[in-house]
Amino acid sequence: MDLGLVLKLVLAVGAFWLIWKAGRAMLGGLVRPIPEPPPAGELRKVKITFRCAICGTEVRMTMANDEVPDPPRHCMDEMELVAPIDL
């Protein structure tokens, strides 16, 4: 066999394997049920960024007692939501 043909075959098999694994991972994520929410009063993981409209200070919230917490206050005013909520 030609070396170029063997290389193309190896690359094709490798690409197929990567696409197959990515597809199975995506479909597997759809099959799993949504986990139960933690008990009331327990902190939940969140990833939200707020910005002060007056001075520009940014705050990243990583833990909160609610899935969609109230915005913190800065410069005597509520901060604005910057990043989308990722739960």
N, C-alpha and C. Protein backbone atom coordinates (compact mmCIF):
# COMPACT_ATOMS: atom_id res chain seq x y z
N MET A 1 0.83 -1.18 0.00
CA MET A 1 0.00 0.00 0.00
C MET A 1 0.87 1.25 0.00
N ASP A 2 0.30 2.29 -0.50
CA ASP A 2 0.97 3.59 -0.55
C ASP A 2 0.92 4.24 0.84
N LEU A 3 2.00 4.91 1.25
CA LEU A 3 2.07 5.56 2.56
C LEU A 3 1.00 6.65 2.69
N GLY A 4 0.72 7.37 1.62
CA GLY A 4 -0.30 8.42 1.64
C GLY A 4 -1.68 7.85 1.89
N LEU A 5 -1.97 6.70 1.30
CA LEU A 5 -3.26 6.04 1.48
C LEU A 5 -3.44 5.58 2.93
N VAL A 6 -2.38 5.03 3.50
CA VAL A 6 -2.43 4.57 4.89
C VAL A 6 -2.65 5.77 5.82
N LEU A 7 -1.98 6.87 5.57
CA LEU A 7 -2.13 8.07 6.39
C LEU A 7 -3.56 8.60 6.30
N LYS A 8 -4.12 8.63 5.11
CA LYS A 8 -5.51 9.09 4.94
C LYS A 8 -6.47 8.18 5.67
N LEU A 9 -6.23 6.88 5.62
CA LEU A 9 -7.09 5.92 6.31
C LEU A 9 -7.02 6.12 7.82
N VAL A 10 -5.83 6.30 8.35
CA VAL A 10 -5.66 6.52 9.80
C VAL A 10 -6.35 7.81 10.22
N LEU A 11 -6.19 8.88 9.44
CA LEU A 11 -6.86 10.15 9.76
C LEU A 11 -8.38 10.02 9.69
N ALA A 12 -8.88 9.29 8.71
CA ALA A 12 -10.33 9.10 8.57
C ALA A 12 -10.89 8.33 9.76
N VAL A 13 -10.20 7.28 10.17
CA VAL A 13 -10.65 6.49 11.32
C VAL A 13 -10.59 7.34 12.59
N GLY A 14 -9.55 8.13 12.74
CA GLY A 14 -9.44 9.01 13.92
C GLY A 14 -10.54 10.06 13.94
N ALA A 15 -10.84 10.65 12.79
CA ALA A 15 -11.91 11.65 12.72
C ALA A 15 -13.26 11.01 13.03
N PHE A 16 -13.50 9.82 12.49
CA PHE A 16 -14.74 9.10 12.78
C PHE A 16 -14.87 8.83 14.27
N TRP A 17 -13.80 8.39 14.91
CA TRP A 17 -13.84 8.08 16.34
C TRP A 17 -14.15 9.34 17.15
N LEU A 18 -13.51 10.48 16.82
CA LEU A 18 -13.77 11.73 17.55
C LEU A 18 -15.22 12.20 17.38
N ILE A 19 -15.73 12.14 16.17
CA ILE A 19 -17.12 12.55 15.93
C ILE A 19 -18.08 11.62 16.65
N TRP A 20 -17.79 10.33 16.63
CA TRP A 20 -18.62 9.35 17.33
C TRP A 20 -18.67 9.63 18.84
N LYS A 21 -17.51 9.88 19.45
CA LYS A 21 -17.46 10.15 20.90
C LYS A 21 -18.19 11.44 21.24
N ALA A 22 -18.01 12.48 20.42
CA ALA A 22 -18.70 13.76 20.68
C ALA A 22 -20.21 13.59 20.56
N GLY A 23 -20.66 12.86 19.56
CA GLY A 23 -22.09 12.62 19.39
C GLY A 23 -22.70 11.85 20.53
N ARG A 24 -22.00 10.80 20.96
CA ARG A 24 -22.50 10.02 22.10
C ARG A 24 -22.54 10.85 23.37
N ALA A 25 -21.56 11.72 23.58
CA ALA A 25 -21.54 12.57 24.78
C ALA A 25 -22.72 13.55 24.75
N MET A 26 -23.00 14.13 23.59
CA MET A 26 -24.12 15.07 23.50
C MET A 26 -25.46 14.36 23.72
N LEU A 27 -25.64 13.21 23.08
CA LEU A 27 -26.89 12.47 23.28
C LEU A 27 -27.01 11.94 24.70
N GLY A 28 -25.90 11.56 25.30
CA GLY A 28 -25.93 11.09 26.68
C GLY A 28 -26.34 12.19 27.65
N GLY A 29 -25.98 13.44 27.34
CA GLY A 29 -26.39 14.55 28.18
C GLY A 29 -27.89 14.81 28.15
N LEU A 30 -28.53 14.44 27.05
CA LEU A 30 -29.98 14.62 26.95
C LEU A 30 -30.74 13.53 27.70
N VAL A 31 -30.12 12.39 27.91
CA VAL A 31 -30.80 11.26 28.53
C VAL A 31 -30.85 11.40 30.06
N ARG A 32 -29.85 11.99 30.65
CA ARG A 32 -29.77 12.07 32.11
C ARG A 32 -30.87 12.98 32.67
N PRO A 33 -31.52 12.57 33.76
CA PRO A 33 -32.55 13.43 34.36
C PRO A 33 -31.93 14.64 35.06
N ILE A 34 -32.74 15.67 35.24
CA ILE A 34 -32.30 16.88 35.94
C ILE A 34 -32.14 16.54 37.41
N PRO A 35 -31.01 16.91 38.03
CA PRO A 35 -30.81 16.58 39.45
C PRO A 35 -31.80 17.33 40.35
N GLU A 36 -32.11 16.72 41.47
CA GLU A 36 -33.03 17.35 42.43
C GLU A 36 -32.40 18.61 43.01
N PRO A 37 -33.18 19.66 43.25
CA PRO A 37 -32.62 20.86 43.85
C PRO A 37 -32.21 20.60 45.29
N PRO A 38 -31.18 21.28 45.78
CA PRO A 38 -30.76 21.08 47.17
C PRO A 38 -31.82 21.58 48.14
N PRO A 39 -31.77 21.14 49.37
CA PRO A 39 -32.75 21.58 50.36
C PRO A 39 -32.69 23.10 50.56
N ALA A 40 -33.81 23.66 51.02
CA ALA A 40 -33.88 25.10 51.26
C ALA A 40 -32.83 25.52 52.28
N GLY A 41 -32.21 26.66 52.08
CA GLY A 41 -31.19 27.17 52.98
C GLY A 41 -29.78 26.77 52.60
N GLU A 42 -29.63 25.80 51.72
CA GLU A 42 -28.31 25.36 51.28
C GLU A 42 -27.87 26.19 50.09
N LEU A 43 -26.58 26.47 49.99
CA LEU A 43 -26.08 27.28 48.89
C LEU A 43 -26.01 26.47 47.61
N ARG A 44 -26.32 27.15 46.50
CA ARG A 44 -26.28 26.53 45.18
C ARG A 44 -25.17 27.18 44.37
N LYS A 45 -24.59 26.41 43.42
CA LYS A 45 -23.57 26.97 42.55
C LYS A 45 -24.26 27.79 41.46
N VAL A 46 -23.80 29.01 41.28
CA VAL A 46 -24.28 29.88 40.21
C VAL A 46 -23.07 30.52 39.55
N LYS A 47 -23.26 31.09 38.38
CA LYS A 47 -22.19 31.78 37.68
C LYS A 47 -22.80 33.03 37.04
N ILE A 48 -22.89 34.09 37.84
CA ILE A 48 -23.54 35.31 37.41
C ILE A 48 -22.60 36.49 37.64
N THR A 49 -22.55 37.41 36.70
CA THR A 49 -21.73 38.61 36.84
C THR A 49 -22.64 39.83 36.86
N PHE A 50 -22.39 40.71 37.83
CA PHE A 50 -23.13 41.96 37.95
C PHE A 50 -22.17 43.13 37.77
N ARG A 51 -22.69 44.26 37.27
CA ARG A 51 -21.88 45.47 37.09
C ARG A 51 -22.64 46.66 37.66
N CYS A 52 -21.90 47.53 38.36
CA CYS A 52 -22.47 48.77 38.89
C CYS A 52 -22.58 49.77 37.74
N ALA A 53 -23.78 50.31 37.53
CA ALA A 53 -24.00 51.25 36.43
C ALA A 53 -23.34 52.60 36.71
N ILE A 54 -23.05 52.90 37.96
CA ILE A 54 -22.49 54.21 38.32
C ILE A 54 -20.97 54.23 38.20
N CYS A 55 -20.29 53.26 38.83
CA CYS A 55 -18.82 53.29 38.85
C CYS A 55 -18.17 52.22 37.99
N GLY A 56 -18.93 51.21 37.52
CA GLY A 56 -18.37 50.18 36.65
C GLY A 56 -17.77 48.98 37.38
N THR A 57 -17.89 48.91 38.68
CA THR A 57 -17.36 47.78 39.44
C THR A 57 -18.12 46.51 39.06
N GLU A 58 -17.39 45.41 38.82
CA GLU A 58 -18.02 44.14 38.48
C GLU A 58 -17.85 43.15 39.62
N VAL A 59 -18.88 42.33 39.83
CA VAL A 59 -18.88 41.31 40.87
C VAL A 59 -19.33 40.01 40.24
N ARG A 60 -18.60 38.92 40.49
CA ARG A 60 -19.00 37.61 40.00
C ARG A 60 -19.51 36.79 41.17
N MET A 61 -20.74 36.34 41.09
CA MET A 61 -21.36 35.55 42.14
C MET A 61 -21.22 34.08 41.77
N THR A 62 -20.64 33.28 42.68
CA THR A 62 -20.45 31.86 42.40
C THR A 62 -21.31 30.96 43.28
N MET A 63 -21.76 31.44 44.43
CA MET A 63 -22.63 30.68 45.31
C MET A 63 -23.76 31.60 45.76
N ALA A 64 -24.98 31.05 45.81
CA ALA A 64 -26.13 31.84 46.24
C ALA A 64 -27.14 30.90 46.89
N ASN A 65 -28.05 31.48 47.65
CA ASN A 65 -29.06 30.67 48.33
C ASN A 65 -30.27 30.43 47.42
N ASP A 66 -30.27 30.99 46.21
CA ASP A 66 -31.35 30.84 45.27
C ASP A 66 -30.75 30.66 43.87
N GLU A 67 -31.48 30.03 42.96
CA GLU A 67 -30.96 29.84 41.60
C GLU A 67 -30.82 31.16 40.85
N VAL A 68 -31.74 32.08 41.11
CA VAL A 68 -31.68 33.41 40.49
C VAL A 68 -31.71 34.43 41.64
N PRO A 69 -30.53 34.74 42.20
CA PRO A 69 -30.49 35.64 43.37
C PRO A 69 -30.77 37.10 42.99
N ASP A 70 -31.17 37.86 43.99
CA ASP A 70 -31.36 39.30 43.81
C ASP A 70 -30.00 39.94 43.57
N PRO A 71 -29.94 41.00 42.74
CA PRO A 71 -28.65 41.65 42.49
C PRO A 71 -28.14 42.36 43.74
N PRO A 72 -26.82 42.36 43.94
CA PRO A 72 -26.25 43.07 45.09
C PRO A 72 -26.35 44.58 44.88
N ARG A 73 -26.15 45.33 45.95
CA ARG A 73 -26.22 46.79 45.88
C ARG A 73 -24.81 47.36 45.94
N HIS A 74 -24.55 48.41 45.15
CA HIS A 74 -23.27 49.09 45.12
C HIS A 74 -23.54 50.54 44.76
N CYS A 75 -22.87 51.47 45.37
CA CYS A 75 -23.08 52.90 45.14
C CYS A 75 -24.55 53.26 45.40
N MET A 76 -25.15 52.63 46.40
CA MET A 76 -26.52 52.89 46.83
C MET A 76 -27.55 52.55 45.74
N ASP A 77 -27.20 51.66 44.80
CA ASP A 77 -28.12 51.27 43.73
C ASP A 77 -27.89 49.79 43.41
N GLU A 78 -28.92 49.12 42.87
CA GLU A 78 -28.76 47.71 42.51
C GLU A 78 -27.86 47.58 41.28
N MET A 79 -27.03 46.55 41.28
CA MET A 79 -26.14 46.31 40.14
C MET A 79 -26.92 45.67 39.00
N GLU A 80 -26.40 45.80 37.77
CA GLU A 80 -27.06 45.26 36.58
C GLU A 80 -26.45 43.91 36.22
N LEU A 81 -27.28 42.99 35.73
CA LEU A 81 -26.83 41.68 35.29
C LEU A 81 -26.04 41.83 34.01
N VAL A 82 -24.82 41.22 33.96
CA VAL A 82 -23.96 41.32 32.79
C VAL A 82 -23.94 40.01 32.03
N ALA A 83 -23.63 38.93 32.69
CA ALA A 83 -23.48 37.63 32.04
C ALA A 83 -24.80 36.86 32.13
N PRO A 84 -25.08 36.00 31.16
CA PRO A 84 -26.28 35.17 31.25
C PRO A 84 -26.16 34.19 32.39
N ILE A 85 -27.27 33.73 32.88
CA ILE A 85 -27.31 32.79 34.00
C ILE A 85 -26.99 31.40 33.49
N ASP A 86 -25.93 30.77 34.01
CA ASP A 86 -25.55 29.40 33.66
C ASP A 86 -25.75 28.54 34.87
N LEU A 87 -26.70 27.63 34.79
CA LEU A 87 -26.96 26.76 35.94
C LEU A 87 -26.49 25.37 35.68
